[in-house]
Full PDB file with SEQRES, HELIX, SHEET, SSBOND, CRYST1, ORIGX, SCALE, CONECT and MASTER records, all heavy atoms in Angstrom:
SEQRES   1 A   41  ASP GLU LEU ARG GLU TRP SER ARG LYS PHE PRO SER TYR          
SEQRES   2 A   41  SER ILE GLY ILE PRO ALA ALA SER GLU LEU GLY PHE VAL          
SEQRES   3 A   41  GLY LEU ASP CYS ASP VAL LEU ASP VAL GLU GLN SER ARG          
SEQRES   4 A   41  GLU CYS                                                      
HELIX    1 AA1 GLU A    2  LYS A    9  1                                   8    
HELIX    2 AA2 SER A   21  LEU A   23  5                                   3    
HELIX    3 AA3 VAL A   35  GLU A   40  1                                   6    
CRYST1    1.000    1.000    1.000  90.00  90.00  90.00 P 1           1          
ORIGX1      1.000000  0.000000  0.000000        0.00000                         
ORIGX2      0.000000  1.000000  0.000000        0.00000                         
ORIGX3      0.000000  0.000000  1.000000        0.00000                         
SCALE1      1.000000  0.000000  0.000000        0.00000                         
SCALE2      0.000000  1.000000  0.000000        0.00000                         
SCALE3      0.000000  0.000000  1.000000        0.00000                         
ATOM      1  N   ASP A   1       0.824  -1.171  -0.045  1.00  0.00           N  
ATOM      2  CA  ASP A   1       0.029   0.031   0.007  1.00  0.00           C  
ATOM      3  C   ASP A   1       0.847   1.243   0.060  1.00  0.00           C  
ATOM      4  O   ASP A   1       0.549   2.245  -0.670  1.00  0.00           O  
ATOM      5  CB  ASP A   1      -0.846   0.062   1.177  1.00  0.00           C  
ATOM      6  CG  ASP A   1      -2.085  -0.975   1.110  1.00  0.00           C  
ATOM      7  OD1 ASP A   1      -2.384  -1.424  -0.054  1.00  0.00           O  
ATOM      8  OD2 ASP A   1      -2.717  -1.296   2.062  1.00  0.00           O  
ATOM      9  N   GLU A   2       1.947   1.203   0.752  1.00  0.00           N  
ATOM     10  CA  GLU A   2       2.828   2.315   0.835  1.00  0.00           C  
ATOM     11  C   GLU A   2       3.523   2.625  -0.638  1.00  0.00           C  
ATOM     12  O   GLU A   2       3.577   3.686  -1.067  1.00  0.00           O  
ATOM     13  CB  GLU A   2       3.919   2.211   1.839  1.00  0.00           C  
ATOM     14  CG  GLU A   2       3.373   2.279   3.309  1.00  0.00           C  
ATOM     15  CD  GLU A   2       4.376   1.916   4.302  1.00  0.00           C  
ATOM     16  OE1 GLU A   2       5.117   0.935   4.185  1.00  0.00           O  
ATOM     17  OE2 GLU A   2       4.287   2.433   5.584  1.00  0.00           O  
ATOM     18  N   LEU A   3       3.947   1.507  -1.215  1.00  0.00           N  
ATOM     19  CA  LEU A   3       4.518   1.584  -2.508  1.00  0.00           C  
ATOM     20  C   LEU A   3       3.545   2.200  -3.485  1.00  0.00           C  
ATOM     21  O   LEU A   3       3.866   2.967  -4.390  1.00  0.00           O  
ATOM     22  CB  LEU A   3       5.020   0.277  -2.955  1.00  0.00           C  
ATOM     23  CG  LEU A   3       6.291  -0.297  -2.330  1.00  0.00           C  
ATOM     24  CD1 LEU A   3       6.705  -1.625  -2.839  1.00  0.00           C  
ATOM     25  CD2 LEU A   3       7.447   0.734  -2.554  1.00  0.00           C  
ATOM     26  N   ARG A   4       2.236   1.654  -3.552  1.00  0.00           N  
ATOM     27  CA  ARG A   4       1.365   2.175  -4.420  1.00  0.00           C  
ATOM     28  C   ARG A   4       1.017   3.687  -4.205  1.00  0.00           C  
ATOM     29  O   ARG A   4       0.916   4.434  -5.168  1.00  0.00           O  
ATOM     30  CB  ARG A   4      -0.077   1.506  -4.280  1.00  0.00           C  
ATOM     31  CG  ARG A   4      -0.035   0.078  -4.985  1.00  0.00           C  
ATOM     32  CD  ARG A   4      -1.444  -0.502  -4.918  1.00  0.00           C  
ATOM     33  NE  ARG A   4      -1.798  -1.020  -3.636  1.00  0.00           N  
ATOM     34  CZ  ARG A   4      -1.538  -2.316  -3.386  1.00  0.00           C  
ATOM     35  NH1 ARG A   4      -1.020  -3.153  -4.186  1.00  0.00           N  
ATOM     36  NH2 ARG A   4      -1.915  -2.755  -2.109  1.00  0.00           N  
ATOM     37  N   GLU A   5       1.005   4.106  -2.957  1.00  0.00           N  
ATOM     38  CA  GLU A   5       0.839   5.589  -2.681  1.00  0.00           C  
ATOM     39  C   GLU A   5       1.984   6.365  -3.171  1.00  0.00           C  
ATOM     40  O   GLU A   5       1.885   7.432  -3.793  1.00  0.00           O  
ATOM     41  CB  GLU A   5       0.668   5.768  -1.109  1.00  0.00           C  
ATOM     42  CG  GLU A   5       0.451   7.317  -0.778  1.00  0.00           C  
ATOM     43  CD  GLU A   5       0.379   7.470   0.731  1.00  0.00           C  
ATOM     44  OE1 GLU A   5       0.512   6.492   1.440  1.00  0.00           O  
ATOM     45  OE2 GLU A   5       0.260   8.665   1.129  1.00  0.00           O  
ATOM     46  N   TRP A   6       3.254   5.838  -2.942  1.00  0.00           N  
ATOM     47  CA  TRP A   6       4.488   6.688  -3.414  1.00  0.00           C  
ATOM     48  C   TRP A   6       4.470   6.613  -4.920  1.00  0.00           C  
ATOM     49  O   TRP A   6       4.806   7.647  -5.439  1.00  0.00           O  
ATOM     50  CB  TRP A   6       5.660   6.035  -2.848  1.00  0.00           C  
ATOM     51  CG  TRP A   6       5.690   6.028  -1.339  1.00  0.00           C  
ATOM     52  CD1 TRP A   6       5.057   6.760  -0.491  1.00  0.00           C  
ATOM     53  CD2 TRP A   6       6.555   5.179  -0.569  1.00  0.00           C  
ATOM     54  NE1 TRP A   6       5.395   6.585   0.807  1.00  0.00           N  
ATOM     55  CE2 TRP A   6       6.317   5.563   0.826  1.00  0.00           C  
ATOM     56  CE3 TRP A   6       7.548   4.202  -0.764  1.00  0.00           C  
ATOM     57  CZ2 TRP A   6       6.890   5.052   1.916  1.00  0.00           C  
ATOM     58  CZ3 TRP A   6       8.066   3.587   0.388  1.00  0.00           C  
ATOM     59  CH2 TRP A   6       7.805   3.908   1.716  1.00  0.00           C  
ATOM     60  N   SER A   7       4.115   5.534  -5.490  1.00  0.00           N  
ATOM     61  CA  SER A   7       4.151   5.506  -7.032  1.00  0.00           C  
ATOM     62  C   SER A   7       3.142   6.500  -7.597  1.00  0.00           C  
ATOM     63  O   SER A   7       3.504   7.095  -8.645  1.00  0.00           O  
ATOM     64  CB  SER A   7       3.725   4.160  -7.468  1.00  0.00           C  
ATOM     65  OG  SER A   7       4.768   3.186  -7.047  1.00  0.00           O  
ATOM     66  N   ARG A   8       2.024   6.698  -6.913  1.00  0.00           N  
ATOM     67  CA  ARG A   8       1.151   7.657  -7.409  1.00  0.00           C  
ATOM     68  C   ARG A   8       1.518   9.133  -7.172  1.00  0.00           C  
ATOM     69  O   ARG A   8       1.392  10.040  -7.936  1.00  0.00           O  
ATOM     70  CB  ARG A   8      -0.339   7.306  -6.719  1.00  0.00           C  
ATOM     71  CG  ARG A   8      -1.392   8.269  -7.293  1.00  0.00           C  
ATOM     72  CD  ARG A   8      -2.696   7.920  -6.540  1.00  0.00           C  
ATOM     73  NE  ARG A   8      -2.721   8.114  -5.120  1.00  0.00           N  
ATOM     74  CZ  ARG A   8      -2.624   7.213  -4.195  1.00  0.00           C  
ATOM     75  NH1 ARG A   8      -2.531   5.903  -4.590  1.00  0.00           N  
ATOM     76  NH2 ARG A   8      -2.573   7.389  -2.884  1.00  0.00           N  
ATOM     77  N   LYS A   9       2.114   9.317  -5.888  1.00  0.00           N  
ATOM     78  CA  LYS A   9       2.373  10.735  -5.421  1.00  0.00           C  
ATOM     79  C   LYS A   9       3.676  11.129  -5.931  1.00  0.00           C  
ATOM     80  O   LYS A   9       3.984  12.400  -6.198  1.00  0.00           O  
ATOM     81  CB  LYS A   9       2.434  10.874  -3.983  1.00  0.00           C  
ATOM     82  CG  LYS A   9       1.018  10.725  -3.290  1.00  0.00           C  
ATOM     83  CD  LYS A   9       1.103  10.708  -1.764  1.00  0.00           C  
ATOM     84  CE  LYS A   9       1.544  11.993  -1.295  1.00  0.00           C  
ATOM     85  NZ  LYS A   9       1.490  12.059   0.226  1.00  0.00           N  
ATOM     86  N   PHE A  10       4.750  10.307  -6.150  1.00  0.00           N  
ATOM     87  CA  PHE A  10       5.990  10.712  -6.570  1.00  0.00           C  
ATOM     88  C   PHE A  10       6.524   9.887  -7.758  1.00  0.00           C  
ATOM     89  O   PHE A  10       7.540   9.212  -7.702  1.00  0.00           O  
ATOM     90  CB  PHE A  10       7.021  10.420  -5.314  1.00  0.00           C  
ATOM     91  CG  PHE A  10       6.529  10.956  -3.970  1.00  0.00           C  
ATOM     92  CD1 PHE A  10       6.125  10.063  -2.977  1.00  0.00           C  
ATOM     93  CD2 PHE A  10       6.484  12.222  -3.753  1.00  0.00           C  
ATOM     94  CE1 PHE A  10       5.647  10.614  -1.708  1.00  0.00           C  
ATOM     95  CE2 PHE A  10       5.979  12.857  -2.525  1.00  0.00           C  
ATOM     96  CZ  PHE A  10       5.599  11.817  -1.564  1.00  0.00           C  
ATOM     97  N   PRO A  11       5.846   9.985  -8.857  1.00  0.00           N  
ATOM     98  CA  PRO A  11       6.159   9.170  -9.994  1.00  0.00           C  
ATOM     99  C   PRO A  11       7.565   9.441 -10.667  1.00  0.00           C  
ATOM    100  O   PRO A  11       8.082   8.645 -11.327  1.00  0.00           O  
ATOM    101  CB  PRO A  11       5.050   9.296 -11.008  1.00  0.00           C  
ATOM    102  CG  PRO A  11       4.619  10.743 -10.671  1.00  0.00           C  
ATOM    103  CD  PRO A  11       4.688  10.906  -9.208  1.00  0.00           C  
ATOM    104  N   SER A  12       8.078  10.691 -10.508  1.00  0.00           N  
ATOM    105  CA  SER A  12       9.270  11.107 -11.193  1.00  0.00           C  
ATOM    106  C   SER A  12      10.317  11.347 -10.188  1.00  0.00           C  
ATOM    107  O   SER A  12      11.366  12.069 -10.468  1.00  0.00           O  
ATOM    108  CB  SER A  12       9.078  12.316 -12.082  1.00  0.00           C  
ATOM    109  OG  SER A  12       8.616  13.373 -11.260  1.00  0.00           O  
ATOM    110  N   TYR A  13      10.254  10.848  -8.947  1.00  0.00           N  
ATOM    111  CA  TYR A  13      11.250  11.140  -7.873  1.00  0.00           C  
ATOM    112  C   TYR A  13      12.397  10.153  -7.887  1.00  0.00           C  
ATOM    113  O   TYR A  13      12.275   9.062  -8.539  1.00  0.00           O  
ATOM    114  CB  TYR A  13      10.490  11.116  -6.531  1.00  0.00           C  
ATOM    115  CG  TYR A  13       9.809  12.298  -6.073  1.00  0.00           C  
ATOM    116  CD1 TYR A  13       9.046  13.038  -7.010  1.00  0.00           C  
ATOM    117  CD2 TYR A  13      10.010  12.950  -4.889  1.00  0.00           C  
ATOM    118  CE1 TYR A  13       8.362  14.196  -6.628  1.00  0.00           C  
ATOM    119  CE2 TYR A  13       9.333  13.999  -4.497  1.00  0.00           C  
ATOM    120  CZ  TYR A  13       8.545  14.686  -5.417  1.00  0.00           C  
ATOM    121  OH  TYR A  13       7.981  15.867  -5.015  1.00  0.00           O  
ATOM    122  N   SER A  14      13.438  10.453  -7.308  1.00  0.00           N  
ATOM    123  CA  SER A  14      14.583   9.608  -7.208  1.00  0.00           C  
ATOM    124  C   SER A  14      14.234   8.520  -6.196  1.00  0.00           C  
ATOM    125  O   SER A  14      13.260   8.689  -5.459  1.00  0.00           O  
ATOM    126  CB  SER A  14      15.809  10.374  -6.725  1.00  0.00           C  
ATOM    127  OG  SER A  14      16.177  11.292  -7.733  1.00  0.00           O  
ATOM    128  N   ILE A  15      15.060   7.444  -6.063  1.00  0.00           N  
ATOM    129  CA  ILE A  15      14.773   6.458  -5.218  1.00  0.00           C  
ATOM    130  C   ILE A  15      15.919   6.241  -4.249  1.00  0.00           C  
ATOM    131  O   ILE A  15      17.162   6.048  -4.599  1.00  0.00           O  
ATOM    132  CB  ILE A  15      14.498   5.129  -5.944  1.00  0.00           C  
ATOM    133  CG1 ILE A  15      13.365   5.291  -6.851  1.00  0.00           C  
ATOM    134  CG2 ILE A  15      14.441   3.913  -5.061  1.00  0.00           C  
ATOM    135  CD1 ILE A  15      13.043   4.197  -7.848  1.00  0.00           C  
ATOM    136  N   GLY A  16      15.557   6.203  -2.990  1.00  0.00           N  
ATOM    137  CA  GLY A  16      16.575   6.038  -1.916  1.00  0.00           C  
ATOM    138  C   GLY A  16      16.534   4.649  -1.256  1.00  0.00           C  
ATOM    139  O   GLY A  16      15.340   4.061  -1.239  1.00  0.00           O  
ATOM    140  N   ILE A  17      17.525   4.155  -0.631  1.00  0.00           N  
ATOM    141  CA  ILE A  17      17.489   2.935   0.159  1.00  0.00           C  
ATOM    142  C   ILE A  17      18.008   3.213   1.567  1.00  0.00           C  
ATOM    143  O   ILE A  17      19.134   3.557   1.793  1.00  0.00           O  
ATOM    144  CB  ILE A  17      18.289   1.859  -0.484  1.00  0.00           C  
ATOM    145  CG1 ILE A  17      17.798   1.481  -1.887  1.00  0.00           C  
ATOM    146  CG2 ILE A  17      18.393   0.600   0.341  1.00  0.00           C  
ATOM    147  CD1 ILE A  17      18.577   0.427  -2.644  1.00  0.00           C  
ATOM    148  N   PRO A  18      17.168   3.047   2.635  1.00  0.00           N  
ATOM    149  CA  PRO A  18      17.536   3.257   3.966  1.00  0.00           C  
ATOM    150  C   PRO A  18      18.549   2.039   4.417  1.00  0.00           C  
ATOM    151  O   PRO A  18      18.375   0.935   3.932  1.00  0.00           O  
ATOM    152  CB  PRO A  18      16.344   3.163   4.815  1.00  0.00           C  
ATOM    153  CG  PRO A  18      15.172   3.544   3.838  1.00  0.00           C  
ATOM    154  CD  PRO A  18      15.678   2.996   2.528  1.00  0.00           C  
ATOM    155  N   ALA A  19      19.602   2.354   5.112  1.00  0.00           N  
ATOM    156  CA  ALA A  19      20.505   1.432   5.602  1.00  0.00           C  
ATOM    157  C   ALA A  19      19.730   0.282   6.492  1.00  0.00           C  
ATOM    158  O   ALA A  19      18.958   0.754   7.298  1.00  0.00           O  
ATOM    159  CB  ALA A  19      21.558   2.000   6.393  1.00  0.00           C  
ATOM    160  N   ALA A  20      20.009  -0.926   6.274  1.00  0.00           N  
ATOM    161  CA  ALA A  20      19.226  -1.969   6.963  1.00  0.00           C  
ATOM    162  C   ALA A  20      19.912  -3.244   7.053  1.00  0.00           C  
ATOM    163  O   ALA A  20      19.620  -4.195   6.459  1.00  0.00           O  
ATOM    164  CB  ALA A  20      17.793  -2.135   6.395  1.00  0.00           C  
ATOM    165  N   SER A  21      20.995  -3.327   7.872  1.00  0.00           N  
ATOM    166  CA  SER A  21      21.731  -4.474   7.945  1.00  0.00           C  
ATOM    167  C   SER A  21      20.872  -5.589   8.519  1.00  0.00           C  
ATOM    168  O   SER A  21      21.086  -6.879   8.213  1.00  0.00           O  
ATOM    169  CB  SER A  21      22.994  -4.341   8.869  1.00  0.00           C  
ATOM    170  OG  SER A  21      22.699  -4.069  10.196  1.00  0.00           O  
ATOM    171  N   GLU A  22      19.822  -5.258   9.372  1.00  0.00           N  
ATOM    172  CA  GLU A  22      18.972  -6.282   9.872  1.00  0.00           C  
ATOM    173  C   GLU A  22      18.155  -6.903   8.849  1.00  0.00           C  
ATOM    174  O   GLU A  22      17.614  -7.985   9.106  1.00  0.00           O  
ATOM    175  CB  GLU A  22      18.238  -5.621  11.157  1.00  0.00           C  
ATOM    176  CG  GLU A  22      19.030  -5.247  12.258  1.00  0.00           C  
ATOM    177  CD  GLU A  22      18.214  -4.551  13.383  1.00  0.00           C  
ATOM    178  OE1 GLU A  22      17.129  -5.028  13.611  1.00  0.00           O  
ATOM    179  OE2 GLU A  22      18.732  -3.601  13.907  1.00  0.00           O  
ATOM    180  N   LEU A  23      18.000  -6.193   7.743  1.00  0.00           N  
ATOM    181  CA  LEU A  23      17.230  -6.777   6.632  1.00  0.00           C  
ATOM    182  C   LEU A  23      18.140  -7.603   5.613  1.00  0.00           C  
ATOM    183  O   LEU A  23      17.598  -8.191   4.693  1.00  0.00           O  
ATOM    184  CB  LEU A  23      16.426  -5.691   5.867  1.00  0.00           C  
ATOM    185  CG  LEU A  23      15.374  -4.977   6.771  1.00  0.00           C  
ATOM    186  CD1 LEU A  23      14.699  -3.878   5.809  1.00  0.00           C  
ATOM    187  CD2 LEU A  23      14.344  -5.877   7.287  1.00  0.00           C  
ATOM    188  N   GLY A  24      19.370  -7.487   5.807  1.00  0.00           N  
ATOM    189  CA  GLY A  24      20.289  -8.301   5.012  1.00  0.00           C  
ATOM    190  C   GLY A  24      21.215  -7.633   4.084  1.00  0.00           C  
ATOM    191  O   GLY A  24      21.785  -8.276   3.166  1.00  0.00           O  
ATOM    192  N   PHE A  25      21.448  -6.297   4.266  1.00  0.00           N  
ATOM    193  CA  PHE A  25      22.460  -5.686   3.384  1.00  0.00           C  
ATOM    194  C   PHE A  25      23.155  -4.406   4.109  1.00  0.00           C  
ATOM    195  O   PHE A  25      22.657  -3.943   5.048  1.00  0.00           O  
ATOM    196  CB  PHE A  25      21.883  -5.221   2.015  1.00  0.00           C  
ATOM    197  CG  PHE A  25      20.872  -3.921   2.257  1.00  0.00           C  
ATOM    198  CD1 PHE A  25      21.422  -2.682   2.089  1.00  0.00           C  
ATOM    199  CD2 PHE A  25      19.651  -4.195   2.753  1.00  0.00           C  
ATOM    200  CE1 PHE A  25      20.563  -1.567   2.217  1.00  0.00           C  
ATOM    201  CE2 PHE A  25      18.808  -3.025   2.832  1.00  0.00           C  
ATOM    202  CZ  PHE A  25      19.178  -1.754   2.614  1.00  0.00           C  
ATOM    203  N   VAL A  26      24.298  -4.132   3.602  1.00  0.00           N  
ATOM    204  CA  VAL A  26      25.099  -2.998   4.147  1.00  0.00           C  
ATOM    205  C   VAL A  26      25.651  -2.228   2.911  1.00  0.00           C  
ATOM    206  O   VAL A  26      25.967  -2.788   1.912  1.00  0.00           O  
ATOM    207  CB  VAL A  26      26.275  -3.489   5.057  1.00  0.00           C  
ATOM    208  CG1 VAL A  26      27.087  -2.269   5.484  1.00  0.00           C  
ATOM    209  CG2 VAL A  26      25.745  -4.147   6.307  1.00  0.00           C  
ATOM    210  N   GLY A  27      25.712  -0.860   3.055  1.00  0.00           N  
ATOM    211  CA  GLY A  27      26.219  -0.074   1.979  1.00  0.00           C  
ATOM    212  C   GLY A  27      27.607   0.424   2.518  1.00  0.00           C  
ATOM    213  O   GLY A  27      27.808   0.955   3.686  1.00  0.00           O  
ATOM    214  N   LEU A  28      28.636   0.228   1.613  1.00  0.00           N  
ATOM    215  CA  LEU A  28      30.010   0.794   1.956  1.00  0.00           C  
ATOM    216  C   LEU A  28      30.197   1.863   1.055  1.00  0.00           C  
ATOM    217  O   LEU A  28      30.494   1.676  -0.127  1.00  0.00           O  
ATOM    218  CB  LEU A  28      30.999  -0.356   1.799  1.00  0.00           C  
ATOM    219  CG  LEU A  28      30.772  -1.648   2.539  1.00  0.00           C  
ATOM    220  CD1 LEU A  28      31.924  -2.708   2.222  1.00  0.00           C  
ATOM    221  CD2 LEU A  28      30.760  -1.313   4.082  1.00  0.00           C  
ATOM    222  N   ASP A  29      30.272   3.172   1.615  1.00  0.00           N  
ATOM    223  CA  ASP A  29      30.346   4.320   0.827  1.00  0.00           C  
ATOM    224  C   ASP A  29      31.735   4.941   0.841  1.00  0.00           C  
ATOM    225  O   ASP A  29      32.174   5.403   1.914  1.00  0.00           O  
ATOM    226  CB  ASP A  29      29.327   5.426   1.373  1.00  0.00           C  
ATOM    227  CG  ASP A  29      29.065   6.482   0.390  1.00  0.00           C  
ATOM    228  OD1 ASP A  29      29.443   6.444  -0.807  1.00  0.00           O  
ATOM    229  OD2 ASP A  29      28.666   7.628   0.887  1.00  0.00           O  
ATOM    230  N   CYS A  30      32.407   4.935  -0.284  1.00  0.00           N  
ATOM    231  CA  CYS A  30      33.807   5.373  -0.262  1.00  0.00           C  
ATOM    232  C   CYS A  30      33.880   6.703  -0.964  1.00  0.00           C  
ATOM    233  O   CYS A  30      33.708   6.802  -2.166  1.00  0.00           O  
ATOM    234  CB  CYS A  30      34.675   4.370  -1.098  1.00  0.00           C  
ATOM    235  SG  CYS A  30      36.450   4.731  -1.245  1.00  0.00           S  
ATOM    236  N   ASP A  31      34.226   7.795  -0.253  1.00  0.00           N  
ATOM    237  CA  ASP A  31      34.243   9.107  -0.782  1.00  0.00           C  
ATOM    238  C   ASP A  31      35.699   9.621  -1.000  1.00  0.00           C  
ATOM    239  O   ASP A  31      36.008  10.703  -0.835  1.00  0.00           O  
ATOM    240  CB  ASP A  31      33.609  10.115   0.155  1.00  0.00           C  
ATOM    241  CG  ASP A  31      31.980  10.060  -0.049  1.00  0.00           C  
ATOM    242  OD1 ASP A  31      31.618   9.266  -0.934  1.00  0.00           O  
ATOM    243  OD2 ASP A  31      31.356  10.683   0.827  1.00  0.00           O  
ATOM    244  N   VAL A  32      36.573   8.662  -1.295  1.00  0.00           N  
ATOM    245  CA  VAL A  32      38.066   9.045  -1.666  1.00  0.00           C  
ATOM    246  C   VAL A  32      38.031   9.762  -2.984  1.00  0.00           C  
ATOM    247  O   VAL A  32      37.485   9.204  -3.962  1.00  0.00           O  
ATOM    248  CB  VAL A  32      38.910   7.720  -1.640  1.00  0.00           C  
ATOM    249  CG1 VAL A  32      40.260   8.042  -2.134  1.00  0.00           C  
ATOM    250  CG2 VAL A  32      38.887   7.103  -0.202  1.00  0.00           C  
ATOM    251  N   LEU A  33      38.632  10.889  -3.005  1.00  0.00           N  
ATOM    252  CA  LEU A  33      38.510  11.766  -4.172  1.00  0.00           C  
ATOM    253  C   LEU A  33      39.812  11.496  -5.215  1.00  0.00           C  
ATOM    254  O   LEU A  33      39.717  11.831  -6.330  1.00  0.00           O  
ATOM    255  CB  LEU A  33      38.667  13.223  -3.800  1.00  0.00           C  
ATOM    256  CG  LEU A  33      37.305  13.663  -3.149  1.00  0.00           C  
ATOM    257  CD1 LEU A  33      37.528  15.109  -2.663  1.00  0.00           C  
ATOM    258  CD2 LEU A  33      36.131  13.611  -4.128  1.00  0.00           C  
ATOM    259  N   ASP A  34      40.884  10.812  -4.672  1.00  0.00           N  
ATOM    260  CA  ASP A  34      41.910  10.519  -5.517  1.00  0.00           C  
ATOM    261  C   ASP A  34      41.550   9.255  -6.360  1.00  0.00           C  
ATOM    262  O   ASP A  34      41.146   8.220  -5.810  1.00  0.00           O  
ATOM    263  CB  ASP A  34      43.212  10.207  -4.748  1.00  0.00           C  
ATOM    264  CG  ASP A  34      44.381   9.850  -5.540  1.00  0.00           C  
ATOM    265  OD1 ASP A  34      44.536   8.715  -5.991  1.00  0.00           O  
ATOM    266  OD2 ASP A  34      45.154  10.899  -5.948  1.00  0.00           O  
ATOM    267  N   VAL A  35      41.574   9.468  -7.698  1.00  0.00           N  
ATOM    268  CA  VAL A  35      41.155   8.382  -8.600  1.00  0.00           C  
ATOM    269  C   VAL A  35      41.788   7.046  -8.290  1.00  0.00           C  
ATOM    270  O   VAL A  35      41.100   5.953  -8.188  1.00  0.00           O  
ATOM    271  CB  VAL A  35      41.331   8.742 -10.056  1.00  0.00           C  
ATOM    272  CG1 VAL A  35      40.889   7.626 -11.015  1.00  0.00           C  
ATOM    273  CG2 VAL A  35      40.525   9.936 -10.359  1.00  0.00           C  
ATOM    274  N   GLU A  36      43.053   7.066  -8.318  1.00  0.00           N  
ATOM    275  CA  GLU A  36      43.900   5.750  -8.127  1.00  0.00           C  
ATOM    276  C   GLU A  36      43.608   5.151  -6.696  1.00  0.00           C  
ATOM    277  O   GLU A  36      43.446   3.970  -6.607  1.00  0.00           O  
ATOM    278  CB  GLU A  36      45.346   5.973  -8.310  1.00  0.00           C  
ATOM    279  CG  GLU A  36      46.219   4.800  -8.390  1.00  0.00           C  
ATOM    280  CD  GLU A  36      45.731   3.890  -9.565  1.00  0.00           C  
ATOM    281  OE1 GLU A  36      45.377   4.359 -10.653  1.00  0.00           O  
ATOM    282  OE2 GLU A  36      45.877   2.604  -9.447  1.00  0.00           O  
ATOM    283  N   GLN A  37      43.590   5.984  -5.728  1.00  0.00           N  
ATOM    284  CA  GLN A  37      43.306   5.489  -4.301  1.00  0.00           C  
ATOM    285  C   GLN A  37      41.992   4.959  -4.245  1.00  0.00           C  
ATOM    286  O   GLN A  37      41.758   3.921  -3.633  1.00  0.00           O  
ATOM    287  CB  GLN A  37      43.548   6.681  -3.366  1.00  0.00           C  
ATOM    288  CG  GLN A  37      44.989   7.131  -3.194  1.00  0.00           C  
ATOM    289  CD  GLN A  37      45.125   8.269  -2.189  1.00  0.00           C  
ATOM    290  OE1 GLN A  37      44.126   8.738  -1.684  1.00  0.00           O  
ATOM    291  NE2 GLN A  37      46.300   8.734  -1.967  1.00  0.00           N  
ATOM    292  N   SER A  38      40.955   5.578  -4.872  1.00  0.00           N  
ATOM    293  CA  SER A  38      39.645   5.096  -4.888  1.00  0.00           C  
ATOM    294  C   SER A  38      39.565   3.737  -5.554  1.00  0.00           C  
ATOM    295  O   SER A  38      38.900   2.803  -4.957  1.00  0.00           O  
ATOM    296  CB  SER A  38      38.665   6.030  -5.572  1.00  0.00           C  
ATOM    297  OG  SER A  38      37.384   5.550  -5.615  1.00  0.00           O  
ATOM    298  N   ARG A  39      40.171   3.582  -6.582  1.00  0.00           N  
ATOM    299  CA  ARG A  39      40.237   2.263  -7.345  1.00  0.00           C  
ATOM    300  C   ARG A  39      40.880   1.164  -6.442  1.00  0.00           C  
ATOM    301  O   ARG A  39      40.447   0.038  -6.411  1.00  0.00           O  
ATOM    302  CB  ARG A  39      40.984   2.404  -8.678  1.00  0.00           C  
ATOM    303  CG  ARG A  39      40.974   1.235  -9.570  1.00  0.00           C  
ATOM    304  CD  ARG A  39      41.761   1.478 -10.842  1.00  0.00           C  
ATOM    305  NE  ARG A  39      41.085   2.421 -11.707  1.00  0.00           N  
ATOM    306  CZ  ARG A  39      41.670   3.637 -11.965  1.00  0.00           C  
ATOM    307  NH1 ARG A  39      42.880   3.933 -11.432  1.00  0.00           N  
ATOM    308  NH2 ARG A  39      41.005   4.330 -12.766  1.00  0.00           N  
ATOM    309  N   GLU A  40      42.040   1.528  -5.785  1.00  0.00           N  
ATOM    310  CA  GLU A  40      42.636   0.528  -5.036  1.00  0.00           C  
ATOM    311  C   GLU A  40      41.810   0.207  -3.856  1.00  0.00           C  
ATOM    312  O   GLU A  40      41.878  -0.951  -3.405  1.00  0.00           O  
ATOM    313  CB  GLU A  40      43.967   1.161  -4.615  1.00  0.00           C  
ATOM    314  CG  GLU A  40      45.034   1.242  -5.673  1.00  0.00           C  
ATOM    315  CD  GLU A  40      45.264  -0.145  -6.381  1.00  0.00           C  
ATOM    316  OE1 GLU A  40      45.496  -1.123  -5.638  1.00  0.00           O  
ATOM    317  OE2 GLU A  40      45.363  -0.165  -7.531  1.00  0.00           O  
ATOM    318  N   CYS A  41      41.023   1.080  -3.266  1.00  0.00           N  
ATOM    319  CA  CYS A  41      40.064   0.686  -2.128  1.00  0.00           C  
ATOM    320  C   CYS A  41      39.114  -0.228  -2.656  1.00  0.00           C  
ATOM    321  O   CYS A  41      38.739  -1.177  -1.897  1.00  0.00           O  
ATOM    322  CB  CYS A  41      39.534   2.116  -1.644  1.00  0.00           C  
ATOM    323  SG  CYS A  41      40.587   3.101  -0.687  1.00  0.00           S  
TER     324      CYS A  41                                                      
MASTER        0    0    0    3    0    0    0    6  323    1    0    4          
END                                                                             
């Protein structure tokens, strides 16, 4: 029901994902600005 409501109210919005390790996933966000260092990470 929530998804249907959002699809109707926000059809052209971006999509976010709340962090939820308890649901089975983790996001590792690397903001290293040096290209080579970022690649090595």
